[in-house]
Amino acid sequence: MGRTMTDVTGIDHVYVAVSDLDRSEAFDRVMLQALGFRKNTFAIGGDPHVQYFNRHFGYVLRPARGNGKHNPYAPGLHHLCLRVESVADVVAVAKALRGAGIEASEARLYAEYAPDYWATFFNDPDGVRLEVTNYRQERRDRHDQWHQLRG
């Protein structure tokens, strides 16, 4: 397949269907307090939506049309990883999550992923796994040296 001239520059938004919108909206303490998103609400086709957004993208909750807990190993989303600038930011997010009553892992180095890969992991109320990681050198190099890279 040939290369295209269009360059995808990021994720615009992610929609997550949730089993209980009120319960998931109570997850505000993560999105607003620990991660610094802003919030608005709207309806599409009569369905209420809750949108968390920052300068880069939106994370939108909408009511699910079925029951059942999220299974990360079934076809579909396994996990969503959010990136922050530094290791100190990962540590601060993990601390803020735990301070807000969220069962988040301690921020730590995952050298098996990359030599500078720090992360914390937690789940939303439906069991969707979320991760926060630092902006690692390999990702910075990929961004800054894109046109020189082969692959």
N, C-alpha and C. Protein backbone atom coordinates (compact mmCIF):
# COMPACT_ATOMS: atom_id res chain seq x y z
N MET A 1 0.85 -1.18 0.00
CA MET A 1 0.00 0.00 0.00
C MET A 1 0.89 1.24 0.00
N GLY A 2 0.61 2.19 -0.86
CA GLY A 2 1.41 3.41 -0.96
C GLY A 2 1.19 4.35 0.21
N ARG A 3 2.13 5.23 0.36
CA ARG A 3 2.01 6.23 1.43
C ARG A 3 1.05 7.33 1.00
N THR A 4 0.35 7.86 1.97
CA THR A 4 -0.60 8.92 1.70
C THR A 4 0.02 10.26 2.08
N MET A 5 -0.50 11.33 1.53
CA MET A 5 -0.02 12.67 1.86
C MET A 5 -0.70 13.18 3.13
N THR A 6 -1.79 12.54 3.53
CA THR A 6 -2.49 12.97 4.73
C THR A 6 -1.75 12.48 5.95
N ASP A 7 -1.59 13.34 6.93
CA ASP A 7 -0.88 13.00 8.16
C ASP A 7 -1.86 13.10 9.32
N VAL A 8 -2.17 11.97 9.95
CA VAL A 8 -3.02 12.00 11.13
C VAL A 8 -2.21 12.64 12.25
N THR A 9 -2.74 13.67 12.85
CA THR A 9 -1.98 14.45 13.83
C THR A 9 -2.32 14.13 15.28
N GLY A 10 -3.30 13.29 15.51
CA GLY A 10 -3.64 12.94 16.88
C GLY A 10 -5.02 12.32 16.93
N ILE A 11 -5.44 12.01 18.12
CA ILE A 11 -6.80 11.49 18.35
C ILE A 11 -7.69 12.68 18.65
N ASP A 12 -8.78 12.81 17.93
CA ASP A 12 -9.71 13.91 18.15
C ASP A 12 -10.62 13.63 19.35
N HIS A 13 -11.18 12.41 19.39
CA HIS A 13 -12.05 12.05 20.51
C HIS A 13 -12.17 10.53 20.60
N VAL A 14 -12.51 10.09 21.78
CA VAL A 14 -12.77 8.68 22.07
C VAL A 14 -14.14 8.62 22.72
N TYR A 15 -15.02 7.74 22.23
CA TYR A 15 -16.34 7.52 22.83
C TYR A 15 -16.30 6.21 23.60
N VAL A 16 -16.80 6.23 24.81
CA VAL A 16 -16.88 5.03 25.63
C VAL A 16 -18.34 4.84 26.03
N ALA A 17 -18.91 3.70 25.67
CA ALA A 17 -20.29 3.38 26.07
C ALA A 17 -20.23 2.79 27.48
N VAL A 18 -21.01 3.36 28.39
CA VAL A 18 -20.95 2.98 29.79
C VAL A 18 -22.28 2.39 30.25
N SER A 19 -22.22 1.48 31.22
CA SER A 19 -23.42 0.80 31.69
C SER A 19 -24.30 1.69 32.56
N ASP A 20 -23.70 2.66 33.25
CA ASP A 20 -24.45 3.55 34.14
C ASP A 20 -23.83 4.93 34.03
N LEU A 21 -24.47 5.83 33.28
CA LEU A 21 -23.91 7.14 33.00
C LEU A 21 -23.69 7.94 34.29
N ASP A 22 -24.64 7.87 35.23
CA ASP A 22 -24.48 8.61 36.49
C ASP A 22 -23.27 8.11 37.26
N ARG A 23 -23.11 6.80 37.34
CA ARG A 23 -21.97 6.24 38.07
C ARG A 23 -20.66 6.63 37.38
N SER A 24 -20.65 6.56 36.06
CA SER A 24 -19.43 6.91 35.33
C SER A 24 -19.14 8.40 35.40
N GLU A 25 -20.18 9.22 35.43
CA GLU A 25 -19.96 10.66 35.55
C GLU A 25 -19.37 10.99 36.92
N ALA A 26 -19.64 10.18 37.91
CA ALA A 26 -19.03 10.38 39.23
C ALA A 26 -17.51 10.19 39.16
N PHE A 27 -17.04 9.63 38.05
CA PHE A 27 -15.61 9.48 37.80
C PHE A 27 -14.97 10.84 37.49
N ASP A 28 -15.76 11.91 37.60
CA ASP A 28 -15.27 13.29 37.44
C ASP A 28 -13.98 13.50 38.21
N ARG A 29 -13.90 12.91 39.39
CA ARG A 29 -12.73 13.13 40.24
C ARG A 29 -11.45 12.72 39.53
N VAL A 30 -11.53 11.80 38.60
CA VAL A 30 -10.36 11.41 37.81
C VAL A 30 -10.15 12.43 36.69
N MET A 31 -11.16 12.61 35.88
CA MET A 31 -11.01 13.40 34.67
C MET A 31 -10.75 14.89 34.97
N LEU A 32 -11.48 15.44 35.93
CA LEU A 32 -11.35 16.87 36.22
C LEU A 32 -10.21 17.16 37.19
N GLN A 33 -10.18 16.44 38.29
CA GLN A 33 -9.21 16.74 39.33
C GLN A 33 -7.83 16.17 39.03
N ALA A 34 -7.75 14.89 38.76
CA ALA A 34 -6.44 14.25 38.59
C ALA A 34 -5.82 14.51 37.22
N LEU A 35 -6.65 14.63 36.18
CA LEU A 35 -6.12 14.76 34.83
C LEU A 35 -6.33 16.13 34.20
N GLY A 36 -7.07 17.02 34.86
CA GLY A 36 -7.18 18.40 34.40
C GLY A 36 -8.04 18.65 33.17
N PHE A 37 -8.97 17.71 32.88
CA PHE A 37 -9.89 17.93 31.76
C PHE A 37 -10.96 18.94 32.15
N ARG A 38 -11.64 19.48 31.19
CA ARG A 38 -12.85 20.28 31.40
C ARG A 38 -14.03 19.41 30.99
N LYS A 39 -15.25 19.89 31.22
CA LYS A 39 -16.43 19.04 31.03
C LYS A 39 -17.57 19.83 30.43
N ASN A 40 -18.34 19.16 29.55
CA ASN A 40 -19.63 19.67 29.13
C ASN A 40 -20.55 18.48 28.89
N THR A 41 -21.82 18.76 28.73
CA THR A 41 -22.80 17.71 28.47
C THR A 41 -23.62 18.11 27.25
N PHE A 42 -24.13 17.11 26.55
CA PHE A 42 -24.98 17.35 25.39
C PHE A 42 -25.75 16.08 25.11
N ALA A 43 -26.69 16.15 24.17
CA ALA A 43 -27.46 14.97 23.78
C ALA A 43 -27.33 14.77 22.27
N ILE A 44 -27.27 13.52 21.87
CA ILE A 44 -27.31 13.15 20.46
C ILE A 44 -28.39 12.09 20.31
N GLY A 45 -29.37 12.35 19.46
CA GLY A 45 -30.47 11.41 19.26
C GLY A 45 -31.22 11.11 20.54
N GLY A 46 -31.29 12.08 21.43
CA GLY A 46 -31.97 11.90 22.71
C GLY A 46 -31.14 11.23 23.79
N ASP A 47 -29.95 10.75 23.45
CA ASP A 47 -29.07 10.11 24.44
C ASP A 47 -28.16 11.15 25.08
N PRO A 48 -28.14 11.20 26.41
CA PRO A 48 -27.24 12.15 27.08
C PRO A 48 -25.78 11.72 26.89
N HIS A 49 -24.91 12.69 26.76
CA HIS A 49 -23.48 12.46 26.63
C HIS A 49 -22.75 13.38 27.62
N VAL A 50 -21.66 12.89 28.16
CA VAL A 50 -20.79 13.68 29.03
C VAL A 50 -19.43 13.72 28.34
N GLN A 51 -18.94 14.92 28.04
CA GLN A 51 -17.65 15.05 27.36
C GLN A 51 -16.62 15.68 28.28
N TYR A 52 -15.50 15.02 28.40
CA TYR A 52 -14.33 15.58 29.07
C TYR A 52 -13.36 15.95 27.96
N PHE A 53 -12.76 17.12 28.05
CA PHE A 53 -11.90 17.56 26.96
C PHE A 53 -10.74 18.39 27.49
N ASN A 54 -9.66 18.37 26.74
CA ASN A 54 -8.56 19.28 26.97
C ASN A 54 -8.20 19.91 25.63
N ARG A 55 -7.06 20.54 25.53
CA ARG A 55 -6.69 21.20 24.28
C ARG A 55 -6.47 20.22 23.14
N HIS A 56 -6.28 18.94 23.46
CA HIS A 56 -5.86 17.99 22.44
C HIS A 56 -6.95 17.04 21.96
N PHE A 57 -7.85 16.62 22.84
CA PHE A 57 -8.88 15.67 22.43
C PHE A 57 -10.00 15.59 23.46
N GLY A 58 -11.06 14.87 23.08
CA GLY A 58 -12.20 14.66 23.97
C GLY A 58 -12.36 13.19 24.33
N TYR A 59 -12.86 12.97 25.52
CA TYR A 59 -13.17 11.62 26.03
C TYR A 59 -14.65 11.67 26.41
N VAL A 60 -15.48 10.97 25.66
CA VAL A 60 -16.93 11.14 25.77
C VAL A 60 -17.58 9.86 26.31
N LEU A 61 -18.46 10.04 27.29
CA LEU A 61 -19.25 8.95 27.83
C LEU A 61 -20.65 9.00 27.23
N ARG A 62 -21.17 7.85 26.87
CA ARG A 62 -22.55 7.76 26.37
C ARG A 62 -23.15 6.49 26.93
N PRO A 63 -24.47 6.43 27.06
CA PRO A 63 -25.10 5.20 27.59
C PRO A 63 -24.88 4.02 26.65
N ALA A 64 -24.57 2.88 27.24
CA ALA A 64 -24.44 1.64 26.47
C ALA A 64 -25.84 1.14 26.10
N ARG A 65 -25.90 0.33 25.08
CA ARG A 65 -27.17 -0.28 24.67
C ARG A 65 -27.11 -1.78 24.89
N GLY A 66 -26.57 -2.14 25.99
CA GLY A 66 -26.46 -3.54 26.37
C GLY A 66 -25.87 -3.62 27.75
N ASN A 67 -25.84 -4.80 28.31
CA ASN A 67 -25.30 -4.98 29.65
C ASN A 67 -24.03 -5.79 29.59
N GLY A 68 -23.33 -5.80 30.68
CA GLY A 68 -22.12 -6.61 30.78
C GLY A 68 -20.92 -5.76 31.08
N LYS A 69 -19.98 -6.34 31.78
CA LYS A 69 -18.74 -5.67 32.15
C LYS A 69 -17.77 -5.73 30.97
N HIS A 70 -16.94 -4.74 30.86
CA HIS A 70 -15.94 -4.68 29.80
C HIS A 70 -14.94 -5.84 29.94
N ASN A 71 -14.64 -6.47 28.83
CA ASN A 71 -13.65 -7.54 28.80
C ASN A 71 -12.50 -7.08 27.90
N PRO A 72 -11.35 -6.72 28.47
CA PRO A 72 -10.27 -6.19 27.66
C PRO A 72 -9.67 -7.20 26.69
N TYR A 73 -9.99 -8.48 26.85
CA TYR A 73 -9.44 -9.49 25.96
C TYR A 73 -10.44 -9.98 24.91
N ALA A 74 -11.65 -9.41 24.91
CA ALA A 74 -12.61 -9.65 23.83
C ALA A 74 -12.27 -8.69 22.69
N PRO A 75 -12.76 -8.91 21.49
CA PRO A 75 -12.51 -7.96 20.42
C PRO A 75 -12.98 -6.56 20.84
N GLY A 76 -12.19 -5.57 20.51
CA GLY A 76 -12.50 -4.20 20.87
C GLY A 76 -11.37 -3.58 21.66
N LEU A 77 -11.67 -2.56 22.37
CA LEU A 77 -10.68 -1.80 23.13
C LEU A 77 -10.05 -2.64 24.23
N HIS A 78 -8.75 -2.69 24.28
CA HIS A 78 -8.03 -3.34 25.37
C HIS A 78 -7.76 -2.33 26.48
N HIS A 79 -7.12 -1.21 26.14
CA HIS A 79 -6.92 -0.14 27.12
C HIS A 79 -6.65 1.17 26.38
N LEU A 80 -6.76 2.26 27.11
CA LEU A 80 -6.47 3.58 26.57
C LEU A 80 -5.35 4.18 27.40
N CYS A 81 -4.30 4.62 26.73
CA CYS A 81 -3.16 5.20 27.42
C CYS A 81 -3.11 6.69 27.12
N LEU A 82 -3.06 7.48 28.18
CA LEU A 82 -2.93 8.93 28.07
C LEU A 82 -1.48 9.30 28.36
N ARG A 83 -0.97 10.29 27.66
CA ARG A 83 0.42 10.68 27.84
C ARG A 83 0.52 12.03 28.53
N VAL A 84 1.41 12.12 29.49
CA VAL A 84 1.76 13.37 30.15
C VAL A 84 3.22 13.67 29.83
N GLU A 85 3.68 14.83 30.19
CA GLU A 85 4.99 15.29 29.76
C GLU A 85 6.15 14.54 30.42
N SER A 86 6.08 14.28 31.71
CA SER A 86 7.28 13.83 32.42
C SER A 86 6.98 12.70 33.40
N VAL A 87 8.05 12.09 33.90
CA VAL A 87 7.93 11.08 34.96
C VAL A 87 7.29 11.72 36.19
N ALA A 88 7.70 12.93 36.53
CA ALA A 88 7.11 13.62 37.69
C ALA A 88 5.60 13.78 37.52
N ASP A 89 5.15 14.02 36.29
CA ASP A 89 3.71 14.13 36.03
C ASP A 89 3.01 12.80 36.24
N VAL A 90 3.62 11.69 35.82
CA VAL A 90 3.03 10.36 36.05
C VAL A 90 2.89 10.12 37.54
N VAL A 91 3.93 10.42 38.29
CA VAL A 91 3.90 10.25 39.75
C VAL A 91 2.81 11.11 40.36
N ALA A 92 2.69 12.35 39.91
CA ALA A 92 1.67 13.25 40.44
C ALA A 92 0.26 12.76 40.11
N VAL A 93 0.05 12.25 38.89
CA VAL A 93 -1.27 11.72 38.51
C VAL A 93 -1.62 10.51 39.38
N ALA A 94 -0.68 9.59 39.55
CA ALA A 94 -0.94 8.41 40.38
C ALA A 94 -1.32 8.82 41.80
N LYS A 95 -0.62 9.79 42.33
CA LYS A 95 -0.91 10.28 43.68
C LYS A 95 -2.29 10.93 43.73
N ALA A 96 -2.61 11.74 42.72
CA ALA A 96 -3.92 12.41 42.68
C ALA A 96 -5.05 11.39 42.54
N LEU A 97 -4.84 10.37 41.72
CA LEU A 97 -5.86 9.33 41.56
C LEU A 97 -6.13 8.63 42.89
N ARG A 98 -5.07 8.20 43.55
CA ARG A 98 -5.24 7.52 44.83
C ARG A 98 -5.83 8.47 45.87
N GLY A 99 -5.45 9.74 45.82
CA GLY A 99 -6.03 10.73 46.72
C GLY A 99 -7.51 10.94 46.50
N ALA A 100 -7.97 10.67 45.26
CA ALA A 100 -9.39 10.81 44.92
C ALA A 100 -10.15 9.50 45.15
N GLY A 101 -9.48 8.51 45.75
CA GLY A 101 -10.15 7.25 46.04
C GLY A 101 -10.16 6.26 44.90
N ILE A 102 -9.34 6.47 43.89
CA ILE A 102 -9.26 5.57 42.74
C ILE A 102 -8.14 4.56 43.00
N GLU A 103 -8.42 3.29 42.74
CA GLU A 103 -7.40 2.25 42.90
C GLU A 103 -6.45 2.30 41.71
N ALA A 104 -5.43 3.13 41.83
CA ALA A 104 -4.42 3.27 40.77
C ALA A 104 -3.13 2.64 41.26
N SER A 105 -2.39 2.06 40.33
CA SER A 105 -1.10 1.49 40.70
C SER A 105 -0.12 2.60 41.04
N GLU A 106 0.88 2.26 41.82
CA GLU A 106 1.97 3.19 42.06
C GLU A 106 2.63 3.49 40.72
N ALA A 107 3.01 4.73 40.51
CA ALA A 107 3.78 5.05 39.31
C ALA A 107 5.14 4.37 39.45
N ARG A 108 5.54 3.70 38.37
CA ARG A 108 6.85 3.04 38.43
C ARG A 108 7.39 2.85 37.03
N LEU A 109 8.68 2.51 36.98
CA LEU A 109 9.37 2.25 35.72
C LEU A 109 9.00 0.86 35.22
N TYR A 110 8.65 0.76 33.94
CA TYR A 110 8.39 -0.51 33.26
C TYR A 110 9.47 -0.68 32.20
N ALA A 111 10.67 -1.02 32.63
CA ALA A 111 11.81 -1.13 31.72
C ALA A 111 11.61 -2.21 30.67
N GLU A 112 10.72 -3.19 30.94
CA GLU A 112 10.45 -4.22 29.94
C GLU A 112 9.73 -3.65 28.72
N TYR A 113 9.11 -2.47 28.85
CA TYR A 113 8.45 -1.81 27.73
C TYR A 113 9.42 -0.87 27.00
N ALA A 114 10.16 -0.09 27.77
CA ALA A 114 11.16 0.84 27.24
C ALA A 114 12.00 1.29 28.43
N PRO A 115 13.25 1.70 28.20
CA PRO A 115 14.12 2.05 29.32
C PRO A 115 13.65 3.24 30.15
N ASP A 116 12.76 4.06 29.60
CA ASP A 116 12.28 5.24 30.33
C ASP A 116 10.75 5.28 30.41
N TYR A 117 10.13 4.10 30.44
CA TYR A 117 8.66 3.98 30.42
C TYR A 117 8.12 3.94 31.85
N TRP A 118 7.54 5.04 32.28
CA TRP A 118 6.89 5.13 33.59
C TRP A 118 5.39 5.15 33.36
N ALA A 119 4.63 4.50 34.26
CA ALA A 119 3.18 4.46 34.07
C ALA A 119 2.46 4.20 35.39
N THR A 120 1.19 4.55 35.38
CA THR A 120 0.23 4.15 36.40
C THR A 120 -0.98 3.61 35.67
N PHE A 121 -1.65 2.62 36.27
CA PHE A 121 -2.81 1.97 35.66
C PHE A 121 -4.00 2.05 36.62
N PHE A 122 -5.20 2.16 36.05
CA PHE A 122 -6.44 2.16 36.82
C PHE A 122 -7.58 1.79 35.90
N ASN A 123 -8.76 1.53 36.46
CA ASN A 123 -9.94 1.15 35.68
C ASN A 123 -11.05 2.16 35.87
N ASP A 124 -11.87 2.33 34.82
CA ASP A 124 -13.07 3.14 34.98
C ASP A 124 -14.14 2.27 35.65
N PRO A 125 -15.31 2.82 35.98
CA PRO A 125 -16.32 2.04 36.69
C PRO A 125 -16.81 0.79 35.95
N ASP A 126 -16.67 0.73 34.63
CA ASP A 126 -17.07 -0.46 33.88
C ASP A 126 -15.91 -1.42 33.63
N GLY A 127 -14.74 -1.11 34.17
CA GLY A 127 -13.60 -2.00 34.02
C GLY A 127 -12.73 -1.72 32.81
N VAL A 128 -12.95 -0.61 32.11
CA VAL A 128 -12.07 -0.24 31.01
C VAL A 128 -10.74 0.19 31.62
N ARG A 129 -9.68 -0.44 31.18
CA ARG A 129 -8.36 -0.16 31.73
C ARG A 129 -7.81 1.12 31.11
N LEU A 130 -7.32 1.99 31.98
CA LEU A 130 -6.72 3.25 31.57
C LEU A 130 -5.29 3.30 32.09
N GLU A 131 -4.45 3.99 31.37
CA GLU A 131 -3.03 4.11 31.73
C GLU A 131 -2.62 5.55 31.51
N VAL A 132 -1.69 6.02 32.31
CA VAL A 132 -1.04 7.31 32.09
C VAL A 132 0.46 7.04 32.04
N THR A 133 1.10 7.50 30.98
CA THR A 133 2.54 7.30 30.81
C THR A 133 3.21 8.63 30.46
N ASN A 134 4.52 8.62 30.57
CA ASN A 134 5.31 9.82 30.26
C ASN A 134 5.65 9.88 28.77
N TYR A 135 6.02 11.06 28.33
CA TYR A 135 6.44 11.28 26.95
C TYR A 135 7.89 10.80 26.85
N ARG A 136 8.02 9.57 26.39
CA ARG A 136 9.31 8.91 26.38
C ARG A 136 10.20 9.38 25.24
N GLN A 137 11.50 9.14 25.38
CA GLN A 137 12.46 9.60 24.38
C GLN A 137 12.18 9.02 23.00
N GLU A 138 11.83 7.74 22.93
CA GLU A 138 11.53 7.12 21.64
C GLU A 138 10.37 7.84 20.95
N ARG A 139 9.36 8.25 21.71
CA ARG A 139 8.21 8.97 21.13
C ARG A 139 8.63 10.37 20.71
N ARG A 140 9.48 11.02 21.51
CA ARG A 140 9.97 12.35 21.14
C ARG A 140 10.79 12.27 19.85
N ASP A 141 11.68 11.26 19.78
CA ASP A 141 12.49 11.08 18.57
C ASP A 141 11.61 10.82 17.36
N ARG A 142 10.59 9.98 17.54
CA ARG A 142 9.68 9.68 16.43
C ARG A 142 9.02 10.96 15.93
N HIS A 143 8.60 11.79 16.87
CA HIS A 143 7.96 13.05 16.50
C HIS A 143 8.94 14.00 15.82
N ASP A 144 10.09 14.21 16.45
CA ASP A 144 11.04 15.22 15.98
C ASP A 144 11.80 14.81 14.72
N GLN A 145 11.96 13.51 14.50
CA GLN A 145 12.76 13.03 13.38
C GLN A 145 11.94 12.22 12.38
N TRP A 146 10.65 12.47 12.33
CA TRP A 146 9.73 11.68 11.53
C TRP A 146 10.21 11.49 10.09
N HIS A 147 10.62 12.57 9.45
CA HIS A 147 10.96 12.50 8.03
C HIS A 147 12.29 11.80 7.78
N GLN A 148 13.10 11.62 8.79
CA GLN A 148 14.36 10.89 8.63
C GLN A 148 14.21 9.41 8.94
N LEU A 149 13.12 9.02 9.58
CA LEU A 149 12.93 7.64 9.99
C LEU A 149 12.47 6.79 8.82
N ARG A 150 12.86 5.56 8.83
CA ARG A 150 12.42 4.60 7.82
C ARG A 150 11.46 3.61 8.49
N GLY A 151 10.59 3.04 7.71
CA GLY A 151 9.72 2.04 8.29
C GLY A 151 8.38 2.16 7.79
